[in-house]
Amino acid sequence: MITRELTINNKSGLHARPASLWVQAASRFQSKIKIKRGDSVVDGKSILGILSLGLAAGSVFELLAEGDDEAEAVSALEKLMLDLENQDS
């Protein structure tokens, strides 16, 4: 299992469109993807789960990936977060 702490650095947070992009990216991998914020843990491939966390700009969360392609999944999702941040610039 790989765990990464990520911070939402784009202005709008992980609202509907970015959450949809996240789910699309996460769904390409066989690994289990989870997002943890505080005591809440949701399926990282579920748009409703992600939206329920209310991840606004500046929010910190943990990305957990477990499976054969976990390293690739984490790398792709970290890149997505960076891409979203750069779209705000």
PDB file of N, CA and C in Angstrom:
ATOM      1  N   MET A   1       0.843  -1.186   0.000  1.00  0.00           N
ATOM      2  CA  MET A   1       0.000   0.000   0.000  1.00  0.00           C
ATOM      3  C   MET A   1       0.880   1.239   0.000  1.00  0.00           C
ATOM      4  N   ILE A   2       0.472   2.209  -0.794  1.00  0.00           N
ATOM      5  CA  ILE A   2       1.160   3.495  -0.859  1.00  0.00           C
ATOM      6  C   ILE A   2       0.209   4.558  -0.318  1.00  0.00           C
ATOM      7  N   THR A   3       0.740   5.426   0.527  1.00  0.00           N
ATOM      8  CA  THR A   3      -0.037   6.534   1.086  1.00  0.00           C
ATOM      9  C   THR A   3       0.687   7.841   0.776  1.00  0.00           C
ATOM     10  N   ARG A   4      -0.055   8.830   0.314  1.00  0.00           N
ATOM     11  CA  ARG A   4       0.495  10.157   0.052  1.00  0.00           C
ATOM     12  C   ARG A   4      -0.423  11.199   0.662  1.00  0.00           C
ATOM     13  N   GLU A   5       0.161  12.223   1.240  1.00  0.00           N
ATOM     14  CA  GLU A   5      -0.623  13.360   1.719  1.00  0.00           C
ATOM     15  C   GLU A   5      -0.611  14.406   0.614  1.00  0.00           C
ATOM     16  N   LEU A   6      -1.790  14.835   0.209  1.00  0.00           N
ATOM     17  CA  LEU A   6      -1.916  15.820  -0.861  1.00  0.00           C
ATOM     18  C   LEU A   6      -2.692  17.033  -0.349  1.00  0.00           C
ATOM     19  N   THR A   7      -2.395  18.177  -0.946  1.00  0.00           N
ATOM     20  CA  THR A   7      -3.096  19.410  -0.624  1.00  0.00           C
ATOM     21  C   THR A   7      -3.756  19.927  -1.887  1.00  0.00           C
ATOM     22  N   ILE A   8      -4.973  20.391  -1.766  1.00  0.00           N
ATOM     23  CA  ILE A   8      -5.695  20.952  -2.904  1.00  0.00           C
ATOM     24  C   ILE A   8      -5.222  22.387  -3.083  1.00  0.00           C
ATOM     25  N   ASN A   9      -4.525  22.640  -4.171  1.00  0.00           N
ATOM     26  CA  ASN A   9      -3.958  23.962  -4.409  1.00  0.00           C
ATOM     27  C   ASN A   9      -4.646  24.729  -5.530  1.00  0.00           C
ATOM     28  N   ASN A  10      -5.699  24.142  -6.105  1.00  0.00           N
ATOM     29  CA  ASN A  10      -6.436  24.912  -7.104  1.00  0.00           C
ATOM     30  C   ASN A  10      -7.539  25.706  -6.402  1.00  0.00           C
ATOM     31  N   LYS A  11      -7.944  26.809  -7.021  1.00  0.00           N
ATOM     32  CA  LYS A  11      -8.863  27.755  -6.381  1.00  0.00           C
ATOM     33  C   LYS A  11     -10.229  27.159  -6.046  1.00  0.00           C
ATOM     34  N   SER A  12     -10.708  26.257  -6.888  1.00  0.00           N
ATOM     35  CA  SER A  12     -12.075  25.777  -6.719  1.00  0.00           C
ATOM     36  C   SER A  12     -12.191  24.477  -5.941  1.00  0.00           C
ATOM     37  N   GLY A  13     -11.073  23.903  -5.536  1.00  0.00           N
ATOM     38  CA  GLY A  13     -11.124  22.662  -4.776  1.00  0.00           C
ATOM     39  C   GLY A  13     -11.459  21.476  -5.658  1.00  0.00           C
ATOM     40  N   LEU A  14     -11.908  20.404  -5.035  1.00  0.00           N
ATOM     41  CA  LEU A  14     -12.249  19.184  -5.777  1.00  0.00           C
ATOM     42  C   LEU A  14     -13.768  19.121  -5.910  1.00  0.00           C
ATOM     43  N   HIS A  15     -14.313  20.098  -6.664  1.00  0.00           N
ATOM     44  CA  HIS A  15     -15.756  20.138  -6.907  1.00  0.00           C
ATOM     45  C   HIS A  15     -16.099  19.201  -8.068  1.00  0.00           C
ATOM     46  N   ALA A  16     -17.256  19.338  -8.664  1.00  0.00           N
ATOM     47  CA  ALA A  16     -17.779  18.364  -9.627  1.00  0.00           C
ATOM     48  C   ALA A  16     -16.835  18.052 -10.796  1.00  0.00           C
ATOM     49  N   ARG A  17     -16.356  19.056 -11.504  1.00  0.00           N
ATOM     50  CA  ARG A  17     -15.527  18.763 -12.678  1.00  0.00           C
ATOM     51  C   ARG A  17     -14.192  18.145 -12.292  1.00  0.00           C
ATOM     52  N   PRO A  18     -13.432  18.735 -11.364  1.00  0.00           N
ATOM     53  CA  PRO A  18     -12.176  18.087 -10.969  1.00  0.00           C
ATOM     54  C   PRO A  18     -12.389  16.711 -10.340  1.00  0.00           C
ATOM     55  N   ALA A  19     -13.469  16.551  -9.598  1.00  0.00           N
ATOM     56  CA  ALA A  19     -13.755  15.237  -8.998  1.00  0.00           C
ATOM     57  C   ALA A  19     -14.039  14.215 -10.092  1.00  0.00           C
ATOM     58  N   SER A  20     -14.727  14.642 -11.144  1.00  0.00           N
ATOM     59  CA  SER A  20     -14.996  13.763 -12.274  1.00  0.00           C
ATOM     60  C   SER A  20     -13.697  13.357 -12.969  1.00  0.00           C
ATOM     61  N   LEU A  21     -12.788  14.305 -13.150  1.00  0.00           N
ATOM     62  CA  LEU A  21     -11.487  13.999 -13.748  1.00  0.00           C
ATOM     63  C   LEU A  21     -10.709  13.025 -12.869  1.00  0.00           C
ATOM     64  N   TRP A  22     -10.784  13.226 -11.552  1.00  0.00           N
ATOM     65  CA  TRP A  22     -10.119  12.325 -10.606  1.00  0.00           C
ATOM     66  C   TRP A  22     -10.643  10.900 -10.773  1.00  0.00           C
ATOM     67  N   VAL A  23     -11.987  10.757 -10.791  1.00  0.00           N
ATOM     68  CA  VAL A  23     -12.602   9.435 -10.895  1.00  0.00           C
ATOM     69  C   VAL A  23     -12.211   8.769 -12.217  1.00  0.00           C
ATOM     70  N   GLN A  24     -12.199   9.540 -13.296  1.00  0.00           N
ATOM     71  CA  GLN A  24     -11.793   8.989 -14.588  1.00  0.00           C
ATOM     72  C   GLN A  24     -10.363   8.461 -14.521  1.00  0.00           C
ATOM     73  N   ALA A  25      -9.468   9.241 -13.919  1.00  0.00           N
ATOM     74  CA  ALA A  25      -8.063   8.833 -13.808  1.00  0.00           C
ATOM     75  C   ALA A  25      -7.925   7.613 -12.896  1.00  0.00           C
ATOM     76  N   ALA A  26      -8.583   7.636 -11.751  1.00  0.00           N
ATOM     77  CA  ALA A  26      -8.471   6.542 -10.783  1.00  0.00           C
ATOM     78  C   ALA A  26      -9.047   5.242 -11.342  1.00  0.00           C
ATOM     79  N   SER A  27     -10.085   5.357 -12.145  1.00  0.00           N
ATOM     80  CA  SER A  27     -10.768   4.175 -12.672  1.00  0.00           C
ATOM     81  C   SER A  27      -9.952   3.429 -13.726  1.00  0.00           C
ATOM     82  N   ARG A  28      -8.905   4.044 -14.217  1.00  0.00           N
ATOM     83  CA  ARG A  28      -8.038   3.366 -15.189  1.00  0.00           C
ATOM     84  C   ARG A  28      -7.168   2.288 -14.540  1.00  0.00           C
ATOM     85  N   PHE A  29      -7.126   2.289 -13.215  1.00  0.00           N
ATOM     86  CA  PHE A  29      -6.235   1.384 -12.494  1.00  0.00           C
ATOM     87  C   PHE A  29      -7.032   0.310 -11.767  1.00  0.00           C
ATOM     88  N   GLN A  30      -6.408  -0.858 -11.641  1.00  0.00           N
ATOM     89  CA  GLN A  30      -7.053  -1.960 -10.929  1.00  0.00           C
ATOM     90  C   GLN A  30      -6.937  -1.800  -9.420  1.00  0.00           C
ATOM     91  N   SER A  31      -5.942  -1.073  -8.966  1.00  0.00           N
ATOM     92  CA  SER A  31      -5.721  -0.899  -7.529  1.00  0.00           C
ATOM     93  C   SER A  31      -6.932  -0.273  -6.857  1.00  0.00           C
ATOM     94  N   LYS A  32      -7.092  -0.595  -5.579  1.00  0.00           N
ATOM     95  CA  LYS A  32      -8.098   0.073  -4.761  1.00  0.00           C
ATOM     96  C   LYS A  32      -7.555   1.466  -4.449  1.00  0.00           C
ATOM     97  N   ILE A  33      -8.389   2.470  -4.641  1.00  0.00           N
ATOM     98  CA  ILE A  33      -8.016   3.862  -4.386  1.00  0.00           C
ATOM     99  C   ILE A  33      -8.960   4.381  -3.307  1.00  0.00           C
ATOM    100  N   LYS A  34      -8.392   4.915  -2.250  1.00  0.00           N
ATOM    101  CA  LYS A  34      -9.193   5.497  -1.162  1.00  0.00           C
ATOM    102  C   LYS A  34      -8.707   6.923  -0.918  1.00  0.00           C
ATOM    103  N   ILE A  35      -9.612   7.748  -0.446  1.00  0.00           N
ATOM    104  CA  ILE A  35      -9.275   9.110  -0.021  1.00  0.00           C
ATOM    105  C   ILE A  35      -9.714   9.243   1.424  1.00  0.00           C
ATOM    106  N   LYS A  36      -8.790   9.715   2.242  1.00  0.00           N
ATOM    107  CA  LYS A  36      -9.077   9.876   3.668  1.00  0.00           C
ATOM    108  C   LYS A  36      -8.889  11.338   4.061  1.00  0.00           C
ATOM    109  N   ARG A  37      -9.913  11.862   4.720  1.00  0.00           N
ATOM    110  CA  ARG A  37      -9.838  13.216   5.277  1.00  0.00           C
ATOM    111  C   ARG A  37     -10.421  13.149   6.672  1.00  0.00           C
ATOM    112  N   GLY A  38      -9.580  13.400   7.647  1.00  0.00           N
ATOM    113  CA  GLY A  38     -10.026  13.265   9.027  1.00  0.00           C
ATOM    114  C   GLY A  38     -10.377  11.817   9.302  1.00  0.00           C
ATOM    115  N   ASP A  39     -11.566  11.592   9.824  1.00  0.00           N
ATOM    116  CA  ASP A  39     -12.021  10.237  10.115  1.00  0.00           C
ATOM    117  C   ASP A  39     -12.784   9.605   8.947  1.00  0.00           C
ATOM    118  N   SER A  40     -12.994  10.360   7.892  1.00  0.00           N
ATOM    119  CA  SER A  40     -13.766   9.867   6.749  1.00  0.00           C
ATOM    120  C   SER A  40     -12.858   9.239   5.700  1.00  0.00           C
ATOM    121  N   VAL A  41     -13.244   8.055   5.240  1.00  0.00           N
ATOM    122  CA  VAL A  41     -12.532   7.375   4.162  1.00  0.00           C
ATOM    123  C   VAL A  41     -13.559   7.015   3.098  1.00  0.00           C
ATOM    124  N   VAL A  42     -13.286   7.424   1.855  1.00  0.00           N
ATOM    125  CA  VAL A  42     -14.214   7.139   0.762  1.00  0.00           C
ATOM    126  C   VAL A  42     -13.485   6.444  -0.382  1.00  0.00           C
ATOM    127  N   ASP A  43     -14.264   5.804  -1.225  1.00  0.00           N
ATOM    128  CA  ASP A  43     -13.746   5.169  -2.437  1.00  0.00           C
ATOM    129  C   ASP A  43     -13.274   6.269  -3.383  1.00  0.00           C
ATOM    130  N   GLY A  44     -12.019   6.213  -3.783  1.00  0.00           N
ATOM    131  CA  GLY A  44     -11.454   7.219  -4.679  1.00  0.00           C
ATOM    132  C   GLY A  44     -11.934   7.096  -6.108  1.00  0.00           C
ATOM    133  N   LYS A  45     -12.789   6.112  -6.375  1.00  0.00           N
ATOM    134  CA  LYS A  45     -13.368   5.949  -7.701  1.00  0.00           C
ATOM    135  C   LYS A  45     -14.854   6.306  -7.703  1.00  0.00           C
ATOM    136  N   SER A  46     -15.318   6.914  -6.613  1.00  0.00           N
ATOM    137  CA  SER A  46     -16.724   7.287  -6.461  1.00  0.00           C
ATOM    138  C   SER A  46     -16.851   8.805  -6.401  1.00  0.00           C
ATOM    139  N   ILE A  47     -17.495   9.377  -7.410  1.00  0.00           N
ATOM    140  CA  ILE A  47     -17.641  10.832  -7.427  1.00  0.00           C
ATOM    141  C   ILE A  47     -18.450  11.318  -6.227  1.00  0.00           C
ATOM    142  N   LEU A  48     -19.497  10.578  -5.853  1.00  0.00           N
ATOM    143  CA  LEU A  48     -20.304  10.996  -4.708  1.00  0.00           C
ATOM    144  C   LEU A  48     -19.496  10.938  -3.419  1.00  0.00           C
ATOM    145  N   GLY A  49     -18.672   9.911  -3.284  1.00  0.00           N
ATOM    146  CA  GLY A  49     -17.815   9.807  -2.105  1.00  0.00           C
ATOM    147  C   GLY A  49     -16.864  10.982  -2.008  1.00  0.00           C
ATOM    148  N   ILE A  50     -16.232  11.312  -3.124  1.00  0.00           N
ATOM    149  CA  ILE A  50     -15.274  12.419  -3.135  1.00  0.00           C
ATOM    150  C   ILE A  50     -15.969  13.734  -2.819  1.00  0.00           C
ATOM    151  N   LEU A  51     -17.106  13.978  -3.456  1.00  0.00           N
ATOM    152  CA  LEU A  51     -17.838  15.229  -3.209  1.00  0.00           C
ATOM    153  C   LEU A  51     -18.298  15.332  -1.756  1.00  0.00           C
ATOM    154  N   SER A  52     -18.590  14.187  -1.140  1.00  0.00           N
ATOM    155  CA  SER A  52     -19.056  14.201   0.252  1.00  0.00           C
ATOM    156  C   SER A  52     -17.981  14.689   1.226  1.00  0.00           C
ATOM    157  N   LEU A  53     -16.718  14.642   0.807  1.00  0.00           N
ATOM    158  CA  LEU A  53     -15.635  15.104   1.677  1.00  0.00           C
ATOM    159  C   LEU A  53     -15.517  16.627   1.713  1.00  0.00           C
ATOM    160  N   GLY A  54     -16.115  17.310   0.755  1.00  0.00           N
ATOM    161  CA  GLY A  54     -16.063  18.771   0.732  1.00  0.00           C
ATOM    162  C   GLY A  54     -14.646  19.312   0.642  1.00  0.00           C
ATOM    163  N   LEU A  55     -13.868  18.798  -0.284  1.00  0.00           N
ATOM    164  CA  LEU A  55     -12.462  19.185  -0.404  1.00  0.00           C
ATOM    165  C   LEU A  55     -12.339  20.528  -1.124  1.00  0.00           C
ATOM    166  N   ALA A  56     -12.205  21.583  -0.348  1.00  0.00           N
ATOM    167  CA  ALA A  56     -12.074  22.936  -0.878  1.00  0.00           C
ATOM    168  C   ALA A  56     -10.592  23.281  -1.040  1.00  0.00           C
ATOM    169  N   ALA A  57     -10.331  24.441  -1.616  1.00  0.00           N
ATOM    170  CA  ALA A  57      -8.956  24.913  -1.768  1.00  0.00           C
ATOM    171  C   ALA A  57      -8.270  24.928  -0.401  1.00  0.00           C
ATOM    172  N   GLY A  58      -7.069  24.387  -0.346  1.00  0.00           N
ATOM    173  CA  GLY A  58      -6.309  24.338   0.894  1.00  0.00           C
ATOM    174  C   GLY A  58      -6.531  23.073   1.713  1.00  0.00           C
ATOM    175  N   SER A  59      -7.519  22.263   1.329  1.00  0.00           N
ATOM    176  CA  SER A  59      -7.787  21.016   2.057  1.00  0.00           C
ATOM    177  C   SER A  59      -6.626  20.038   1.900  1.00  0.00           C
ATOM    178  N   VAL A  60      -6.354  19.321   2.977  1.00  0.00           N
ATOM    179  CA  VAL A  60      -5.323  18.286   2.969  1.00  0.00           C
ATOM    180  C   VAL A  60      -6.023  16.943   3.131  1.00  0.00           C
ATOM    181  N   PHE A  61      -5.610  15.973   2.333  1.00  0.00           N
ATOM    182  CA  PHE A  61      -6.192  14.633   2.424  1.00  0.00           C
ATOM    183  C   PHE A  61      -5.120  13.600   2.140  1.00  0.00           C
ATOM    184  N   GLU A  62      -5.434  12.361   2.472  1.00  0.00           N
ATOM    185  CA  GLU A  62      -4.525  11.254   2.193  1.00  0.00           C
ATOM    186  C   GLU A  62      -5.061  10.439   1.034  1.00  0.00           C
ATOM    187  N   LEU A  63      -4.173  10.115   0.125  1.00  0.00           N
ATOM    188  CA  LEU A  63      -4.463   9.212  -0.978  1.00  0.00           C
ATOM    189  C   LEU A  63      -3.874   7.855  -0.609  1.00  0.00           C
ATOM    190  N   LEU A  64      -4.696   6.826  -0.641  1.00  0.00           N
ATOM    191  CA  LEU A  64      -4.236   5.470  -0.344  1.00  0.00           C
ATOM    192  C   LEU A  64      -4.498   4.602  -1.565  1.00  0.00           C
ATOM    193  N   ALA A  65      -3.474   3.899  -2.024  1.00  0.00           N
ATOM    194  CA  ALA A  65      -3.624   3.007  -3.172  1.00  0.00           C
ATOM    195  C   ALA A  65      -3.041   1.647  -2.816  1.00  0.00           C
ATOM    196  N   GLU A  66      -3.770   0.594  -3.187  1.00  0.00           N
ATOM    197  CA  GLU A  66      -3.315  -0.750  -2.896  1.00  0.00           C
ATOM    198  C   GLU A  66      -3.641  -1.662  -4.065  1.00  0.00           C
ATOM    199  N   GLY A  67      -2.604  -2.279  -4.617  1.00  0.00           N
ATOM    200  CA  GLY A  67      -2.804  -3.202  -5.726  1.00  0.00           C
ATOM    201  C   GLY A  67      -1.574  -3.285  -6.601  1.00  0.00           C
ATOM    202  N   ASP A  68      -1.682  -4.061  -7.653  1.00  0.00           N
ATOM    203  CA  ASP A  68      -0.543  -4.305  -8.535  1.00  0.00           C
ATOM    204  C   ASP A  68      -0.025  -3.052  -9.223  1.00  0.00           C
ATOM    205  N   ASP A  69      -0.908  -2.113  -9.524  1.00  0.00           N
ATOM    206  CA  ASP A  69      -0.493  -0.899 -10.219  1.00  0.00           C
ATOM    207  C   ASP A  69      -0.596   0.348  -9.320  1.00  0.00           C
ATOM    208  N   GLU A  70      -0.402   0.146  -8.020  1.00  0.00           N
ATOM    209  CA  GLU A  70      -0.568   1.248  -7.063  1.00  0.00           C
ATOM    210  C   GLU A  70       0.392   2.407  -7.320  1.00  0.00           C
ATOM    211  N   ALA A  71       1.640   2.108  -7.666  1.00  0.00           N
ATOM    212  CA  ALA A  71       2.621   3.180  -7.899  1.00  0.00           C
ATOM    213  C   ALA A  71       2.212   4.041  -9.089  1.00  0.00           C
ATOM    214  N   GLU A  72       1.757   3.405 -10.145  1.00  0.00           N
ATOM    215  CA  GLU A  72       1.313   4.140 -11.331  1.00  0.00           C
ATOM    216  C   GLU A  72       0.071   4.967 -11.011  1.00  0.00           C
ATOM    217  N   ALA A  73      -0.836   4.408 -10.226  1.00  0.00           N
ATOM    218  CA  ALA A  73      -2.062   5.121  -9.856  1.00  0.00           C
ATOM    219  C   ALA A  73      -1.733   6.370  -9.045  1.00  0.00           C
ATOM    220  N   VAL A  74      -0.877   6.235  -8.054  1.00  0.00           N
ATOM    221  CA  VAL A  74      -0.505   7.383  -7.222  1.00  0.00           C
ATOM    222  C   VAL A  74       0.174   8.450  -8.067  1.00  0.00           C
ATOM    223  N   SER A  75       1.074   8.029  -8.931  1.00  0.00           N
ATOM    224  CA  SER A  75       1.774   8.971  -9.799  1.00  0.00           C
ATOM    225  C   SER A  75       0.796   9.733 -10.693  1.00  0.00           C
ATOM    226  N   ALA A  76      -0.150   9.023 -11.290  1.00  0.00           N
ATOM    227  CA  ALA A  76      -1.126   9.656 -12.179  1.00  0.00           C
ATOM    228  C   ALA A  76      -2.018  10.633 -11.426  1.00  0.00           C
ATOM    229  N   LEU A  77      -2.434  10.285 -10.221  1.00  0.00           N
ATOM    230  CA  LEU A  77      -3.323  11.157  -9.448  1.00  0.00           C
ATOM    231  C   LEU A  77      -2.570  12.365  -8.898  1.00  0.00           C
ATOM    232  N   GLU A  78      -1.307  12.195  -8.535  1.00  0.00           N
ATOM    233  CA  GLU A  78      -0.497  13.348  -8.127  1.00  0.00           C
ATOM    234  C   GLU A  78      -0.317  14.306  -9.303  1.00  0.00           C
ATOM    235  N   LYS A  79      -0.092  13.761 -10.488  1.00  0.00           N
ATOM    236  CA  LYS A  79       0.057  14.597 -11.686  1.00  0.00           C
ATOM    237  C   LYS A  79      -1.245  15.338 -11.974  1.00  0.00           C
ATOM    238  N   LEU A  80      -2.373  14.662 -11.812  1.00  0.00           N
ATOM    239  CA  LEU A  80      -3.657  15.306 -12.030  1.00  0.00           C
ATOM    240  C   LEU A  80      -3.822  16.508 -11.092  1.00  0.00           C
ATOM    241  N   MET A  81      -3.465  16.330  -9.826  1.00  0.00           N
ATOM    242  CA  MET A  81      -3.581  17.431  -8.868  1.00  0.00           C
ATOM    243  C   MET A  81      -2.717  18.616  -9.305  1.00  0.00           C
ATOM    244  N   LEU A  82      -1.527  18.345  -9.791  1.00  0.00           N
ATOM    245  CA  LEU A  82      -0.636  19.397 -10.277  1.00  0.00           C
ATOM    246  C   LEU A  82      -1.221  20.068 -11.517  1.00  0.00           C
ATOM    247  N   ASP A  83      -1.777  19.270 -12.433  1.00  0.00           N
ATOM    248  CA  ASP A  83      -2.402  19.820 -13.627  1.00  0.00           C
ATOM    249  C   ASP A  83      -3.573  20.734 -13.283  1.00  0.00           C
ATOM    250  N   LEU A  84      -4.391  20.326 -12.302  1.00  0.00           N
ATOM    251  CA  LEU A  84      -5.523  21.151 -11.879  1.00  0.00           C
ATOM    252  C   LEU A  84      -5.047  22.468 -11.295  1.00  0.00           C
ATOM    253  N   GLU A  85      -3.961  22.406 -10.516  1.00  0.00           N
ATOM    254  CA  GLU A  85      -3.391  23.615  -9.933  1.00  0.00           C
ATOM    255  C   GLU A  85      -2.907  24.559 -11.043  1.00  0.00           C
ATOM    256  N   ASN A  86      -2.265  23.999 -12.060  1.00  0.00           N
ATOM    257  CA  ASN A  86      -1.727  24.819 -13.138  1.00  0.00           C
ATOM    258  C   ASN A  86      -2.815  25.406 -14.021  1.00  0.00           C
ATOM    259  N   GLN A  87      -3.994  24.775 -14.074  1.00  0.00           N
ATOM    260  CA  GLN A  87      -5.102  25.323 -14.850  1.00  0.00           C
ATOM    261  C   GLN A  87      -5.627  26.622 -14.239  1.00  0.00           C
ATOM    262  N   ASP A  88      -5.457  26.767 -12.936  1.00  0.00           N
ATOM    263  CA  ASP A  88      -5.903  27.988 -12.259  1.00  0.00           C
ATOM    264  C   ASP A  88      -4.983  29.164 -12.526  1.00  0.00           C
ATOM    265  N   SER A  89      -3.757  28.882 -12.933  1.00  0.00           N
ATOM    266  CA  SER A  89      -2.754  29.947 -13.123  1.00  0.00           C
ATOM    267  C   SER A  89      -3.038  30.771 -14.340  1.00  0.00           C
TER     268      SER A  89
END
